[in-house]
Amino acid sequence: MDDPISRRYIESDYLEHNPEWDMEDSPWKAGKVAAMLKRFAIEPKTICEVGCGAGGVLGAMKGDFPKADFTGYDIAPDAEKFWGELRDSGVELNVGDFFTLNSRNYDVILLLDVLEHVADPHQFLVKLRPYADHVVIHFPLDLSALSVLRETPLLHVRRKVGHIQFFTKGLALELLEECGLEVIDWQYTDAAFSAPQRGLKTKLFGLLRRLVYILNKDIGARLLGGETLMVLAKPEC
């Protein structure tokens, strides 16, 4: 994996820019995932997170699915610094490429804030499809009319957290369909109002967003950004 995109994670570039590895968001994301699975009465026995980072989501989900076996993969060696207690609790965590190391099928695979970091998300999803009965994907919807006009927000997430793919809701759902994944459910997460790591500008735009969302939430997300999308999908038969 000696390409420039992967190198920023294999080396220490990502950790230097994100010393907490976004752990503050983990319980919030875990709650959204658990609610979506339970809404469709999915009680997985095996859950794997590809791109698990510090492992906070897996740790938080153990309370919702106490009988499940949890596994995580991340290509970043620095992520392992956060895994001590999680490994002690029985979560299997691996440093390396999922497709190289893994040989199992899982009831649920989590891709939370992963696809925006991948050079070829189509190839990635097609390769992943045989390993999962269900997939839960979290997309940051960086692409909006406002972000394109300003451009600075897109450059910021590209440089700070390594986003190289940018999505709207429509583009995200189209990607899954193109890769042979049937969308069972999708929901906006209301990240602009409820996510722990909201910036000052996001908070200031809150009132305007609420007003636009009353008229049309899709249009509001495409105009103003600040939203994310949680999707439950399964491989097409």
Protein backbone atom coordinates (compact mmCIF):
# COMPACT_ATOMS: atom_id res chain seq x y z
CA MET A 1 0.00 0.00 0.00
CA ASP A 2 2.82 2.34 -0.93
CA ASP A 3 0.66 5.03 -2.52
CA PRO A 4 0.50 8.68 -1.41
CA ILE A 5 -3.11 8.41 -0.22
CA SER A 6 -2.51 5.41 2.06
CA ARG A 7 0.85 6.74 3.23
CA ARG A 8 -0.68 9.57 5.23
CA TYR A 9 -2.38 6.96 7.44
CA ILE A 10 0.45 4.43 7.54
CA GLU A 11 2.82 7.19 8.59
CA SER A 12 1.93 9.70 11.34
CA ASP A 13 0.44 12.50 9.25
CA TYR A 14 -3.16 11.75 10.23
CA LEU A 15 -2.41 11.46 13.94
CA GLU A 16 -0.50 14.76 13.91
CA HIS A 17 -3.52 16.58 12.49
CA ASN A 18 -6.09 14.62 14.54
CA PRO A 19 -4.52 13.66 17.89
CA GLU A 20 -7.84 12.49 19.40
CA TRP A 21 -8.77 10.49 16.27
CA ASP A 22 -12.33 11.90 16.45
CA MET A 23 -13.11 9.80 19.52
CA GLU A 24 -15.60 12.46 20.68
CA ASP A 25 -17.95 11.49 17.84
CA SER A 26 -17.84 7.74 18.49
CA PRO A 27 -20.79 7.36 20.93
CA TRP A 28 -22.93 9.57 18.68
CA LYS A 29 -22.14 7.48 15.58
CA ALA A 30 -22.60 4.22 17.48
CA GLY A 31 -26.03 5.34 18.63
CA LYS A 32 -27.09 6.15 15.07
CA VAL A 33 -25.88 2.77 13.81
CA ALA A 34 -27.54 0.81 16.62
CA ALA A 35 -30.85 2.64 16.15
CA MET A 36 -30.85 1.88 12.42
CA LEU A 37 -30.11 -1.82 12.92
CA LYS A 38 -32.73 -2.19 15.64
CA ARG A 39 -35.32 -0.40 13.53
CA PHE A 40 -35.08 -3.31 11.09
CA ALA A 41 -34.77 -5.97 13.82
CA ILE A 42 -31.21 -6.81 12.80
CA GLU A 43 -29.45 -8.50 15.72
CA PRO A 44 -25.99 -9.27 14.37
CA LYS A 45 -23.79 -11.94 15.86
CA THR A 46 -20.70 -10.60 14.10
CA ILE A 47 -19.90 -6.91 13.49
CA CYS A 48 -16.79 -5.68 11.68
CA GLU A 49 -15.71 -2.08 11.26
CA VAL A 50 -13.39 -1.45 8.32
CA GLY A 51 -11.43 1.71 9.01
CA CYS A 52 -12.16 1.52 12.73
CA GLY A 53 -9.62 4.17 13.75
CA ALA A 54 -9.37 4.42 17.53
CA GLY A 55 -12.16 1.84 17.89
CA GLY A 56 -14.55 4.07 19.80
CA VAL A 57 -17.62 3.03 17.80
CA LEU A 58 -17.02 -0.67 18.40
CA GLY A 59 -16.55 -0.03 22.11
CA ALA A 60 -19.74 1.99 22.32
CA MET A 61 -21.78 -0.62 20.42
CA LYS A 62 -20.89 -3.45 22.79
CA GLY A 63 -23.60 -2.23 25.14
CA ASP A 64 -26.25 -2.38 22.39
CA PHE A 65 -25.23 -5.82 21.11
CA PRO A 66 -23.66 -7.66 24.08
CA LYS A 67 -23.83 -11.08 22.41
CA ALA A 68 -22.05 -9.99 19.23
CA ASP A 69 -18.42 -10.58 18.32
CA PHE A 70 -16.68 -7.36 17.31
CA THR A 71 -13.78 -7.00 14.89
CA GLY A 72 -11.98 -3.94 13.57
CA TYR A 73 -9.43 -3.21 10.86
CA ASP A 74 -7.41 -0.09 10.18
CA ILE A 75 -4.37 0.46 7.99
CA ALA A 76 -2.95 3.10 10.36
CA PRO A 77 -0.43 1.71 12.89
CA ASP A 78 -0.98 4.81 15.05
CA ALA A 79 -4.58 3.75 15.69
CA GLU A 80 -3.29 0.83 17.75
CA LYS A 81 -2.20 3.27 20.47
CA PHE A 82 -5.89 3.67 21.40
CA TRP A 83 -6.80 -0.03 21.48
CA GLY A 84 -5.54 -1.26 24.86
CA GLU A 85 -8.77 -1.37 26.87
CA LEU A 86 -10.82 -2.34 23.85
CA ARG A 87 -8.68 -5.39 23.16
CA ASP A 88 -8.84 -6.30 26.84
CA SER A 89 -12.66 -6.28 26.55
CA GLY A 90 -12.58 -8.91 23.80
CA VAL A 91 -12.71 -6.85 20.61
CA GLU A 92 -10.43 -8.24 17.89
CA LEU A 93 -8.45 -5.37 16.33
CA ASN A 94 -6.07 -5.61 13.41
CA VAL A 95 -3.57 -3.26 11.80
CA GLY A 96 -3.54 -3.79 8.04
CA ASP A 97 -5.63 -4.02 4.91
CA PHE A 98 -9.00 -5.72 5.41
CA PHE A 99 -8.91 -7.43 2.02
CA THR A 100 -5.45 -8.86 2.68
CA LEU A 101 -5.98 -10.05 6.25
CA ASN A 102 -9.65 -11.01 6.44
CA SER A 103 -11.18 -14.32 5.33
CA ARG A 104 -14.53 -14.16 7.19
CA ASN A 105 -18.07 -13.11 6.38
CA TYR A 106 -19.87 -10.77 8.81
CA ASP A 107 -23.50 -10.12 9.62
CA VAL A 108 -22.78 -6.37 9.55
CA ILE A 109 -19.83 -4.41 8.21
CA LEU A 110 -19.47 -0.76 9.22
CA LEU A 111 -17.96 1.84 6.90
CA LEU A 112 -18.15 5.02 8.94
CA ASP A 113 -16.43 8.01 7.36
CA VAL A 114 -14.32 5.73 5.18
CA LEU A 115 -15.31 6.03 1.52
CA GLU A 116 -14.37 9.71 1.31
CA HIS A 117 -10.77 8.63 2.03
CA VAL A 118 -10.64 5.89 -0.64
CA ALA A 119 -9.06 6.50 -4.05
CA ASP A 120 -11.52 4.19 -5.84
CA PRO A 121 -14.72 3.75 -3.79
CA HIS A 122 -16.38 1.74 -6.56
CA GLN A 123 -13.68 -0.91 -6.53
CA PHE A 124 -13.60 -0.88 -2.73
CA LEU A 125 -17.35 -1.52 -2.38
CA VAL A 126 -17.44 -4.21 -5.06
CA LYS A 127 -14.60 -6.06 -3.27
CA LEU A 128 -16.32 -5.64 0.10
CA ARG A 129 -19.74 -6.89 -0.99
CA PRO A 130 -19.11 -10.67 -0.64
CA TYR A 131 -18.02 -10.30 2.99
CA ALA A 132 -21.20 -8.72 4.40
CA ASP A 133 -24.84 -9.60 4.87
CA HIS A 134 -25.52 -5.94 5.67
CA VAL A 135 -23.41 -2.80 5.39
CA VAL A 136 -23.88 0.44 7.33
CA ILE A 137 -22.20 3.45 5.72
CA HIS A 138 -21.81 6.94 7.15
CA PHE A 139 -21.18 9.64 4.55
CA PRO A 140 -20.16 13.20 5.40
CA LEU A 141 -21.99 15.36 2.86
CA ASP A 142 -19.19 17.84 2.27
CA LEU A 143 -20.45 18.87 -1.14
CA SER A 144 -22.92 21.75 -1.09
CA ALA A 145 -23.56 24.95 -3.03
CA LEU A 146 -22.03 26.93 -0.17
CA SER A 147 -18.91 24.75 0.11
CA VAL A 148 -18.32 24.96 -3.64
CA LEU A 149 -18.71 28.74 -3.64
CA ARG A 150 -16.36 29.17 -0.69
CA GLU A 151 -14.09 26.22 -1.58
CA THR A 152 -12.16 26.70 1.68
CA PRO A 153 -14.26 24.09 3.58
CA LEU A 154 -13.49 21.46 0.94
CA LEU A 155 -9.78 22.23 1.00
CA HIS A 156 -9.84 22.14 4.81
CA VAL A 157 -11.28 18.62 5.07
CA ARG A 158 -9.01 17.47 2.27
CA ARG A 159 -5.89 18.66 4.09
CA LYS A 160 -6.88 18.02 7.71
CA VAL A 161 -8.72 14.71 7.58
CA GLY A 162 -7.90 13.45 4.09
CA HIS A 163 -11.25 13.61 2.29
CA ILE A 164 -10.57 13.04 -1.40
CA GLN A 165 -14.15 12.10 -2.40
CA PHE A 166 -17.04 14.50 -1.87
CA PHE A 167 -20.70 13.52 -1.68
CA THR A 168 -24.25 14.75 -1.73
CA LYS A 169 -27.05 12.42 -0.67
CA GLY A 170 -27.86 11.62 -4.30
CA LEU A 171 -24.27 10.88 -5.24
CA ALA A 172 -23.82 8.63 -2.20
CA LEU A 173 -26.93 6.56 -2.91
CA GLU A 174 -26.07 6.34 -6.61
CA LEU A 175 -22.60 5.02 -5.73
CA LEU A 176 -24.08 2.19 -3.66
CA GLU A 177 -26.50 1.22 -6.41
CA GLU A 178 -23.71 1.21 -9.01
CA CYS A 179 -21.73 -1.18 -6.80
CA GLY A 180 -24.52 -3.72 -6.39
CA LEU A 181 -25.72 -2.69 -2.94
CA GLU A 182 -29.45 -2.42 -2.31
CA VAL A 183 -30.31 0.50 -0.05
CA ILE A 184 -32.69 -0.61 2.69
CA ASP A 185 -32.84 2.70 4.54
CA TRP A 186 -31.13 6.07 4.66
CA GLN A 187 -31.43 8.94 7.08
CA TYR A 188 -29.93 12.34 7.56
CA THR A 189 -28.25 12.36 10.97
CA ASP A 190 -28.95 16.04 11.76
CA ALA A 191 -25.22 16.35 12.35
CA ALA A 192 -25.41 20.12 12.05
CA PHE A 193 -27.51 20.18 15.24
CA SER A 194 -26.47 17.10 17.22
CA ALA A 195 -22.91 16.00 16.36
CA PRO A 196 -20.43 16.62 19.20
CA GLN A 197 -17.74 18.30 17.10
CA ARG A 198 -19.74 21.13 15.57
CA GLY A 199 -17.72 24.19 14.67
CA LEU A 200 -18.75 27.75 15.50
CA LYS A 201 -19.85 28.48 11.93
CA THR A 202 -21.98 25.33 11.89
CA LYS A 203 -23.71 26.47 15.08
CA LEU A 204 -24.24 29.98 13.74
CA PHE A 205 -25.86 28.58 10.60
CA GLY A 206 -28.20 26.47 12.76
CA LEU A 207 -31.18 28.81 12.65
CA LEU A 208 -30.92 29.31 8.89
CA ARG A 209 -30.65 25.56 8.37
CA ARG A 210 -33.73 24.90 10.47
CA LEU A 211 -35.73 27.41 8.44
CA VAL A 212 -34.62 25.95 5.11
CA TYR A 213 -35.13 22.38 6.34
CA ILE A 214 -38.77 23.17 7.13
CA LEU A 215 -39.25 23.98 3.45
CA ASN A 216 -37.17 21.12 2.02
CA LYS A 217 -34.45 19.21 3.84
CA ASP A 218 -32.81 17.84 0.69
CA ILE A 219 -32.48 21.31 -0.77
CA GLY A 220 -31.25 22.65 2.57
CA ALA A 221 -28.49 20.03 2.76
CA ARG A 222 -27.42 20.68 -0.83
CA LEU A 223 -27.41 24.45 -0.33
CA LEU A 224 -25.85 24.84 3.11
CA GLY A 225 -24.05 21.55 3.87
CA GLY A 226 -23.20 20.56 7.43
CA GLU A 227 -25.17 17.32 7.14
CA THR A 228 -24.24 13.62 7.09
CA LEU A 229 -26.00 10.52 5.83
CA MET A 230 -26.37 7.10 7.49
CA VAL A 231 -27.27 4.27 5.10
CA LEU A 232 -28.22 0.63 5.65
CA ALA A 233 -27.65 -1.56 2.59
CA LYS A 234 -27.23 -5.18 1.59
CA PRO A 235 -25.65 -6.93 -1.38
CA GLU A 236 -28.09 -7.44 -4.23
CA CYS A 237 -29.01 -11.05 -4.91
